[in-house]
Amino acid sequence: SSIVHNDYRFDNVILDPDQPMQIIGVLDWELTTIGDPLMDLGNTLAYWIEANDPAPVQLMRRQPSHAPGMLTRREFVDYYAERSGIQIDNFDFYYTYGLFRLAGIVQQIYYRFFHGQTQDKRFAQFIHTNTLLEHMSLQVIDKSSL
């Protein structure tokens, strides 16, 4: 067990302007709990869109994880395993969990948009995002070795 942030992603960290590879702050701790640290990794990678992901997946991108030089999801998992000392034999469960969690978030945001509780037009597309997250999850499950 460890501290699990539960919303760890690029837009919740502050980078050092002089050393942009150095994180100097982490924001939005209200979802933090104690649990399996790989849940945080799965949540993070649910937002991670690679450069070679299909066009519909690219439309979900909210961070620069597709930019040249960025790690793939697999490289990210391998790097995490190396740095943390945690052996990760099969990451499919955690990645699928992250996608499922993101689908729940997308559903509640779309619900608020549909009922006029928020006016941000970007949220109108979230009805399609949920279907996409379902397909992504099923692809991971179909390819899983466990």
C-alpha atoms as a PDB file:
ATOM      1  CA  SER A   1       0.000   0.000   0.000  1.00  0.00           C
ATOM      2  CA  SER A   2       1.007   3.590  -0.588  1.00  0.00           C
ATOM      3  CA  ILE A   3      -0.489   7.047  -1.004  1.00  0.00           C
ATOM      4  CA  VAL A   4      -2.678   7.030  -4.118  1.00  0.00           C
ATOM      5  CA  HIS A   5      -3.339  10.492  -5.564  1.00  0.00           C
ATOM      6  CA  ASN A   6      -6.243   9.265  -7.754  1.00  0.00           C
ATOM      7  CA  ASP A   7      -5.945  12.079 -10.310  1.00  0.00           C
ATOM      8  CA  TYR A   8      -2.247  12.137 -11.165  1.00  0.00           C
ATOM      9  CA  ARG A   9      -1.728  13.584 -14.667  1.00  0.00           C
ATOM     10  CA  PHE A  10       0.083  16.411 -16.423  1.00  0.00           C
ATOM     11  CA  ASP A  11      -2.418  19.114 -15.591  1.00  0.00           C
ATOM     12  CA  ASN A  12      -2.151  18.328 -11.886  1.00  0.00           C
ATOM     13  CA  VAL A  13       1.590  18.881 -11.621  1.00  0.00           C
ATOM     14  CA  ILE A  14       3.719  22.019 -11.622  1.00  0.00           C
ATOM     15  CA  LEU A  15       7.018  21.835 -13.470  1.00  0.00           C
ATOM     16  CA  ASP A  16      10.128  23.818 -12.637  1.00  0.00           C
ATOM     17  CA  PRO A  17      10.394  26.498 -15.364  1.00  0.00           C
ATOM     18  CA  ASP A  18      14.195  26.206 -15.312  1.00  0.00           C
ATOM     19  CA  GLN A  19      14.187  22.390 -15.348  1.00  0.00           C
ATOM     20  CA  PRO A  20      10.937  21.288 -17.034  1.00  0.00           C
ATOM     21  CA  MET A  21      11.658  17.609 -16.350  1.00  0.00           C
ATOM     22  CA  GLN A  22      11.468  18.345 -12.600  1.00  0.00           C
ATOM     23  CA  ILE A  23       8.079  18.305 -10.848  1.00  0.00           C
ATOM     24  CA  ILE A  24       7.998  20.910  -8.077  1.00  0.00           C
ATOM     25  CA  GLY A  25       4.352  20.602  -7.060  1.00  0.00           C
ATOM     26  CA  VAL A  26       1.356  18.277  -7.225  1.00  0.00           C
ATOM     27  CA  LEU A  27      -2.178  19.712  -7.195  1.00  0.00           C
ATOM     28  CA  ASP A  28      -5.671  18.358  -6.434  1.00  0.00           C
ATOM     29  CA  TRP A  29      -5.144  16.024  -3.502  1.00  0.00           C
ATOM     30  CA  GLU A  30      -8.850  15.751  -2.554  1.00  0.00           C
ATOM     31  CA  LEU A  31      -9.211  12.216  -3.975  1.00  0.00           C
ATOM     32  CA  THR A  32      -6.109  10.876  -2.219  1.00  0.00           C
ATOM     33  CA  THR A  33      -6.312   7.618  -0.314  1.00  0.00           C
ATOM     34  CA  ILE A  34      -4.150   4.683   0.727  1.00  0.00           C
ATOM     35  CA  GLY A  35      -4.066   1.799  -1.730  1.00  0.00           C
ATOM     36  CA  ASP A  36      -2.315   0.024  -4.543  1.00  0.00           C
ATOM     37  CA  PRO A  37       0.104   2.443  -6.260  1.00  0.00           C
ATOM     38  CA  LEU A  38      -0.522   0.755  -9.595  1.00  0.00           C
ATOM     39  CA  MET A  39      -4.075   2.143  -9.499  1.00  0.00           C
ATOM     40  CA  ASP A  40      -2.557   5.626  -9.868  1.00  0.00           C
ATOM     41  CA  LEU A  41      -0.479   4.404 -12.787  1.00  0.00           C
ATOM     42  CA  GLY A  42      -3.575   2.914 -14.451  1.00  0.00           C
ATOM     43  CA  ASN A  43      -5.483   6.154 -13.926  1.00  0.00           C
ATOM     44  CA  THR A  44      -2.628   8.200 -15.385  1.00  0.00           C
ATOM     45  CA  LEU A  45      -2.350   6.001 -18.460  1.00  0.00           C
ATOM     46  CA  ALA A  46      -6.090   6.213 -19.142  1.00  0.00           C
ATOM     47  CA  TYR A  47      -5.393   9.841 -20.105  1.00  0.00           C
ATOM     48  CA  TRP A  48      -2.195   8.907 -22.012  1.00  0.00           C
ATOM     49  CA  ILE A  49      -2.789   9.175 -25.763  1.00  0.00           C
ATOM     50  CA  GLU A  50       0.063   7.979 -27.968  1.00  0.00           C
ATOM     51  CA  ALA A  51       0.994   9.470 -31.336  1.00  0.00           C
ATOM     52  CA  ASN A  52      -0.012   6.285 -33.161  1.00  0.00           C
ATOM     53  CA  ASP A  53      -3.388   5.816 -31.423  1.00  0.00           C
ATOM     54  CA  PRO A  54      -6.342   5.860 -33.857  1.00  0.00           C
ATOM     55  CA  ALA A  55      -7.928   9.192 -34.812  1.00  0.00           C
ATOM     56  CA  PRO A  56     -10.990   8.791 -32.543  1.00  0.00           C
ATOM     57  CA  VAL A  57      -8.683   8.220 -29.557  1.00  0.00           C
ATOM     58  CA  GLN A  58      -6.654  11.305 -30.521  1.00  0.00           C
ATOM     59  CA  LEU A  59      -9.815  13.392 -30.094  1.00  0.00           C
ATOM     60  CA  MET A  60      -9.778  12.511 -26.371  1.00  0.00           C
ATOM     61  CA  ARG A  61      -6.291  13.921 -25.854  1.00  0.00           C
ATOM     62  CA  ARG A  62      -6.018  16.626 -23.183  1.00  0.00           C
ATOM     63  CA  GLN A  63      -2.256  16.500 -22.592  1.00  0.00           C
ATOM     64  CA  PRO A  64       0.883  16.348 -24.769  1.00  0.00           C
ATOM     65  CA  SER A  65       1.528  12.618 -24.314  1.00  0.00           C
ATOM     66  CA  HIS A  66       1.545  12.212 -28.132  1.00  0.00           C
ATOM     67  CA  ALA A  67       4.409  14.683 -28.661  1.00  0.00           C
ATOM     68  CA  PRO A  68       7.718  13.514 -30.169  1.00  0.00           C
ATOM     69  CA  GLY A  69       9.956  12.032 -27.500  1.00  0.00           C
ATOM     70  CA  MET A  70       7.120  11.082 -25.142  1.00  0.00           C
ATOM     71  CA  LEU A  71       7.054   7.575 -23.766  1.00  0.00           C
ATOM     72  CA  THR A  72       4.533   5.035 -24.988  1.00  0.00           C
ATOM     73  CA  ARG A  73       2.207   3.562 -22.368  1.00  0.00           C
ATOM     74  CA  ARG A  74       4.386   0.421 -22.294  1.00  0.00           C
ATOM     75  CA  GLU A  75       7.570   2.500 -21.877  1.00  0.00           C
ATOM     76  CA  PHE A  76       5.849   4.503 -19.138  1.00  0.00           C
ATOM     77  CA  VAL A  77       4.962   1.299 -17.266  1.00  0.00           C
ATOM     78  CA  ASP A  78       8.510  -0.059 -17.690  1.00  0.00           C
ATOM     79  CA  TYR A  79      10.010   3.231 -16.471  1.00  0.00           C
ATOM     80  CA  TYR A  80       7.679   3.250 -13.463  1.00  0.00           C
ATOM     81  CA  ALA A  81       8.610  -0.346 -12.631  1.00  0.00           C
ATOM     82  CA  GLU A  82      12.308   0.447 -12.873  1.00  0.00           C
ATOM     83  CA  ARG A  83      12.104   3.593 -10.732  1.00  0.00           C
ATOM     84  CA  SER A  84       9.719   2.166  -8.108  1.00  0.00           C
ATOM     85  CA  GLY A  85      11.239  -1.304  -7.855  1.00  0.00           C
ATOM     86  CA  ILE A  86       7.778  -2.811  -8.353  1.00  0.00           C
ATOM     87  CA  GLN A  87       7.640  -5.756 -10.749  1.00  0.00           C
ATOM     88  CA  ILE A  88       4.747  -5.360 -13.188  1.00  0.00           C
ATOM     89  CA  ASP A  89       4.162  -8.577 -15.109  1.00  0.00           C
ATOM     90  CA  ASN A  90       0.771  -7.716 -16.578  1.00  0.00           C
ATOM     91  CA  PHE A  91      -0.561  -4.195 -16.444  1.00  0.00           C
ATOM     92  CA  ASP A  92      -3.838  -4.873 -18.263  1.00  0.00           C
ATOM     93  CA  PHE A  93      -5.988  -4.929 -15.110  1.00  0.00           C
ATOM     94  CA  TYR A  94      -4.750  -1.515 -13.961  1.00  0.00           C
ATOM     95  CA  TYR A  95      -5.032   0.090 -17.394  1.00  0.00           C
ATOM     96  CA  THR A  96      -8.556  -1.291 -17.842  1.00  0.00           C
ATOM     97  CA  TYR A  97      -9.444  -0.020 -14.362  1.00  0.00           C
ATOM     98  CA  GLY A  98      -8.136   3.441 -15.337  1.00  0.00           C
ATOM     99  CA  LEU A  99     -10.247   3.443 -18.505  1.00  0.00           C
ATOM    100  CA  PHE A 100     -13.327   2.310 -16.528  1.00  0.00           C
ATOM    101  CA  ARG A 101     -12.744   5.030 -13.942  1.00  0.00           C
ATOM    102  CA  LEU A 102     -12.357   7.644 -16.683  1.00  0.00           C
ATOM    103  CA  ALA A 103     -15.617   6.438 -18.268  1.00  0.00           C
ATOM    104  CA  GLY A 104     -17.378   7.091 -14.957  1.00  0.00           C
ATOM    105  CA  ILE A 105     -15.929  10.603 -14.818  1.00  0.00           C
ATOM    106  CA  VAL A 106     -16.935  11.261 -18.424  1.00  0.00           C
ATOM    107  CA  GLN A 107     -20.476  10.054 -17.698  1.00  0.00           C
ATOM    108  CA  GLN A 108     -20.961  12.418 -14.768  1.00  0.00           C
ATOM    109  CA  ILE A 109     -19.578  15.386 -16.714  1.00  0.00           C
ATOM    110  CA  TYR A 110     -21.803  14.585 -19.693  1.00  0.00           C
ATOM    111  CA  TYR A 111     -24.809  14.247 -17.358  1.00  0.00           C
ATOM    112  CA  ARG A 112     -24.161  17.747 -15.994  1.00  0.00           C
ATOM    113  CA  PHE A 113     -23.793  19.122 -19.537  1.00  0.00           C
ATOM    114  CA  PHE A 114     -26.959  17.359 -20.794  1.00  0.00           C
ATOM    115  CA  HIS A 115     -28.977  18.757 -17.886  1.00  0.00           C
ATOM    116  CA  GLY A 116     -27.655  22.281 -18.354  1.00  0.00           C
ATOM    117  CA  GLN A 117     -25.593  22.309 -15.177  1.00  0.00           C
ATOM    118  CA  THR A 118     -22.504  23.276 -17.199  1.00  0.00           C
ATOM    119  CA  GLN A 119     -22.312  25.124 -20.512  1.00  0.00           C
ATOM    120  CA  ASP A 120     -18.889  24.036 -21.800  1.00  0.00           C
ATOM    121  CA  LYS A 121     -19.580  22.850 -25.378  1.00  0.00           C
ATOM    122  CA  ARG A 122     -16.595  20.455 -25.298  1.00  0.00           C
ATOM    123  CA  PHE A 123     -18.633  18.221 -23.008  1.00  0.00           C
ATOM    124  CA  ALA A 124     -21.269  17.570 -25.702  1.00  0.00           C
ATOM    125  CA  GLN A 125     -18.875  15.047 -27.291  1.00  0.00           C
ATOM    126  CA  PHE A 126     -18.465  13.094 -24.070  1.00  0.00           C
ATOM    127  CA  ILE A 127     -21.382  10.834 -25.007  1.00  0.00           C
ATOM    128  CA  HIS A 128     -19.121   9.465 -27.766  1.00  0.00           C
ATOM    129  CA  THR A 129     -16.076   9.400 -25.514  1.00  0.00           C
ATOM    130  CA  ASN A 130     -17.769   6.887 -23.250  1.00  0.00           C
ATOM    131  CA  THR A 131     -18.334   4.494 -26.150  1.00  0.00           C
ATOM    132  CA  LEU A 132     -14.709   4.923 -27.180  1.00  0.00           C
ATOM    133  CA  LEU A 133     -13.487   4.154 -23.647  1.00  0.00           C
ATOM    134  CA  GLU A 134     -15.607   1.020 -23.656  1.00  0.00           C
ATOM    135  CA  HIS A 135     -14.020  -0.129 -26.932  1.00  0.00           C
ATOM    136  CA  MET A 136     -10.530   0.669 -25.663  1.00  0.00           C
ATOM    137  CA  SER A 137     -11.193  -1.355 -22.497  1.00  0.00           C
ATOM    138  CA  LEU A 138     -12.518  -4.322 -24.457  1.00  0.00           C
ATOM    139  CA  GLN A 139      -9.448  -4.257 -26.721  1.00  0.00           C
ATOM    140  CA  VAL A 140      -7.146  -4.394 -23.688  1.00  0.00           C
ATOM    141  CA  ILE A 141      -9.171  -7.253 -22.215  1.00  0.00           C
ATOM    142  CA  ASP A 142      -9.181  -9.172 -25.523  1.00  0.00           C
ATOM    143  CA  LYS A 143      -5.388  -8.863 -25.847  1.00  0.00           C
ATOM    144  CA  SER A 144      -4.672  -9.581 -22.176  1.00  0.00           C
ATOM    145  CA  SER A 145      -2.468 -12.531 -21.417  1.00  0.00           C
ATOM    146  CA  LEU A 146      -4.227 -13.173 -18.101  1.00  0.00           C
END
